[in-house]
Structures are given as C-alpha cells and as structure tokens.
C-alpha cells in the first residue's frame, strides 16, 4: 500500500512539524515557527500531486 516515496513525504512532514514545534516552544521564535508550519500542507500537496501523477502514468 505505501511506497518508499510515501514514507519520505511523511518523514518530511514530521521533520517540519518537529522543527516548527521546537521553534515555537523552545526557541520562542514565533514567526519562524509559523513559516515552518506552513510547509506541512505544501509538502502534503506535492506528495498528493506526485502520487496522482504516478497513478495516472501507470493507467496509460
């Protein structure tokens, strides 16, 4: 069900989340934390796009 690329996308999302949480709670750098948190939906969006592109390429 999951391919290696799916795990890389989830890993990138988790890294972004933990960096954002670190910046928010530990470093108290709120602006950088919010900027880093914005990456999470962008990474998911790219992942969905590439997943759909791969599925459509397989069907043709």
N, C-alpha and C. Protein backbone atom coordinates (compact mmCIF):
# COMPACT_ATOMS: atom_id res chain seq x y z
N UNK A 1 0.82 -1.18 0.00
CA UNK A 1 0.00 0.00 0.00
C UNK A 1 0.87 1.25 0.00
N UNK A 2 1.80 1.35 0.95
CA UNK A 2 2.69 2.50 0.99
C UNK A 2 3.95 2.18 0.21
N UNK A 3 4.39 3.15 -0.57
CA UNK A 3 5.64 3.01 -1.29
C UNK A 3 6.73 3.78 -0.55
N UNK A 4 7.95 3.57 -0.97
CA UNK A 4 9.07 4.24 -0.32
C UNK A 4 8.92 5.77 -0.40
N UNK A 5 8.42 6.28 -1.51
CA UNK A 5 8.25 7.73 -1.66
C UNK A 5 7.22 8.27 -0.66
N UNK A 6 6.21 7.48 -0.34
CA UNK A 6 5.21 7.91 0.65
C UNK A 6 5.85 8.09 2.02
N UNK A 7 6.75 7.20 2.37
CA UNK A 7 7.43 7.31 3.65
C UNK A 7 8.33 8.55 3.71
N UNK A 8 8.96 8.89 2.58
CA UNK A 8 9.80 10.08 2.55
C UNK A 8 8.96 11.34 2.73
N UNK A 9 7.78 11.37 2.15
CA UNK A 9 6.89 12.52 2.30
C UNK A 9 6.43 12.64 3.74
N UNK A 10 6.03 11.53 4.35
CA UNK A 10 5.63 11.57 5.75
C UNK A 10 6.79 11.96 6.66
N UNK A 11 7.99 11.51 6.34
CA UNK A 11 9.16 11.89 7.12
C UNK A 11 9.42 13.39 7.01
N UNK A 12 9.28 13.94 5.81
CA UNK A 12 9.48 15.37 5.62
C UNK A 12 8.44 16.17 6.40
N UNK A 13 7.21 15.69 6.43
CA UNK A 13 6.16 16.37 7.19
C UNK A 13 6.46 16.30 8.68
N UNK A 14 6.88 15.16 9.18
CA UNK A 14 7.19 15.04 10.60
C UNK A 14 8.37 15.91 11.00
N UNK A 15 9.39 15.97 10.15
CA UNK A 15 10.54 16.82 10.44
C UNK A 15 10.11 18.28 10.49
N UNK A 16 9.30 18.69 9.53
CA UNK A 16 8.81 20.07 9.51
C UNK A 16 7.99 20.38 10.76
N UNK A 17 7.15 19.44 11.17
CA UNK A 17 6.33 19.64 12.36
C UNK A 17 7.19 19.79 13.61
N UNK A 18 8.18 18.91 13.76
CA UNK A 18 9.01 18.96 14.96
C UNK A 18 9.89 20.21 14.99
N UNK A 19 10.38 20.62 13.83
CA UNK A 19 11.16 21.87 13.79
C UNK A 19 10.27 23.05 14.15
N UNK A 20 9.05 23.05 13.64
CA UNK A 20 8.12 24.13 13.96
C UNK A 20 7.79 24.15 15.45
N UNK A 21 7.55 23.00 16.03
CA UNK A 21 7.25 22.93 17.47
C UNK A 21 8.45 23.37 18.29
N UNK A 22 9.64 22.98 17.87
CA UNK A 22 10.85 23.41 18.58
C UNK A 22 10.99 24.93 18.53
N UNK A 23 10.79 25.50 17.34
CA UNK A 23 10.92 26.95 17.21
C UNK A 23 9.86 27.68 18.04
N UNK A 24 8.67 27.12 18.12
CA UNK A 24 7.58 27.78 18.86
C UNK A 24 7.78 27.70 20.37
N UNK A 25 8.07 26.49 20.87
CA UNK A 25 8.11 26.28 22.31
C UNK A 25 9.48 26.50 22.94
N UNK A 26 10.54 26.11 22.26
CA UNK A 26 11.87 26.16 22.86
C UNK A 26 12.60 27.46 22.49
N UNK A 27 12.67 27.76 21.22
CA UNK A 27 13.42 28.93 20.77
C UNK A 27 12.60 30.22 20.89
N UNK A 28 11.30 30.10 21.10
CA UNK A 28 10.40 31.25 21.22
C UNK A 28 10.46 32.16 19.99
N UNK A 29 10.72 31.57 18.82
CA UNK A 29 10.75 32.34 17.57
C UNK A 29 9.45 32.05 16.83
N UNK A 30 8.43 32.82 17.14
CA UNK A 30 7.07 32.55 16.65
C UNK A 30 6.96 32.69 15.14
N UNK A 31 7.60 33.70 14.56
CA UNK A 31 7.48 33.91 13.12
C UNK A 31 8.10 32.77 12.33
N UNK A 32 9.28 32.32 12.72
CA UNK A 32 9.91 31.19 12.04
C UNK A 32 9.12 29.90 12.24
N UNK A 33 8.52 29.75 13.40
CA UNK A 33 7.71 28.56 13.67
C UNK A 33 6.49 28.52 12.75
N UNK A 34 5.82 29.65 12.58
CA UNK A 34 4.66 29.69 11.69
C UNK A 34 5.08 29.46 10.25
N UNK A 35 6.19 30.07 9.84
CA UNK A 35 6.69 29.86 8.48
C UNK A 35 6.99 28.39 8.22
N UNK A 36 7.62 27.74 9.18
CA UNK A 36 7.94 26.32 9.03
C UNK A 36 6.68 25.46 9.04
N UNK A 37 5.69 25.85 9.82
CA UNK A 37 4.44 25.09 9.87
C UNK A 37 3.67 25.18 8.55
N UNK A 38 3.86 26.25 7.82
CA UNK A 38 3.19 26.40 6.53
C UNK A 38 3.71 25.37 5.53
N UNK A 39 4.91 24.85 5.74
CA UNK A 39 5.47 23.85 4.85
C UNK A 39 4.67 22.55 4.86
N UNK A 40 4.04 22.24 5.97
CA UNK A 40 3.38 20.94 6.13
C UNK A 40 2.30 20.71 5.07
N UNK A 41 1.32 21.62 4.88
CA UNK A 41 0.34 21.37 3.82
C UNK A 41 0.95 21.43 2.43
N UNK A 42 2.02 22.23 2.26
CA UNK A 42 2.68 22.29 0.96
C UNK A 42 3.34 20.94 0.63
N UNK A 43 3.98 20.34 1.60
CA UNK A 43 4.61 19.03 1.38
C UNK A 43 3.55 17.98 1.06
N UNK A 44 2.44 18.00 1.82
CA UNK A 44 1.35 17.07 1.52
C UNK A 44 0.79 17.30 0.13
N UNK A 45 0.65 18.55 -0.26
CA UNK A 45 0.14 18.87 -1.60
C UNK A 45 1.04 18.33 -2.70
N UNK A 46 2.36 18.54 -2.57
CA UNK A 46 3.30 17.98 -3.53
C UNK A 46 3.23 16.46 -3.54
N UNK A 47 3.11 15.87 -2.37
CA UNK A 47 3.02 14.41 -2.30
C UNK A 47 1.80 13.87 -3.01
N UNK A 48 0.66 14.52 -2.81
CA UNK A 48 -0.57 14.10 -3.47
C UNK A 48 -0.45 14.27 -4.98
N UNK A 49 0.12 15.39 -5.40
CA UNK A 49 0.29 15.63 -6.83
C UNK A 49 1.14 14.53 -7.48
N UNK A 50 2.30 14.24 -6.89
CA UNK A 50 3.18 13.23 -7.46
C UNK A 50 2.57 11.84 -7.39
N UNK A 51 1.81 11.56 -6.34
CA UNK A 51 1.14 10.26 -6.23
C UNK A 51 0.10 10.09 -7.34
N UNK A 52 -0.70 11.15 -7.56
CA UNK A 52 -1.70 11.10 -8.63
C UNK A 52 -1.05 11.02 -10.01
N UNK A 53 0.05 11.73 -10.20
CA UNK A 53 0.75 11.67 -11.48
C UNK A 53 1.27 10.26 -11.74
N UNK A 54 1.79 9.61 -10.71
CA UNK A 54 2.29 8.25 -10.86
C UNK A 54 1.15 7.28 -11.15
N UNK A 55 0.01 7.46 -10.49
CA UNK A 55 -1.14 6.57 -10.73
C UNK A 55 -1.68 6.74 -12.15
N UNK A 56 -1.75 7.98 -12.62
CA UNK A 56 -2.24 8.21 -13.98
C UNK A 56 -1.26 7.69 -15.02
N UNK A 57 0.03 7.75 -14.76
CA UNK A 57 1.02 7.22 -15.69
C UNK A 57 0.94 5.70 -15.78
N UNK A 58 0.61 5.06 -14.65
CA UNK A 58 0.50 3.60 -14.66
C UNK A 58 -0.71 3.12 -15.43
N UNK A 59 -1.78 3.92 -15.43
CA UNK A 59 -3.01 3.51 -16.11
C UNK A 59 -2.89 3.63 -17.63
N UNK A 60 -1.98 4.45 -18.11
CA UNK A 60 -1.87 4.66 -19.57
C UNK A 60 -0.93 3.71 -20.20
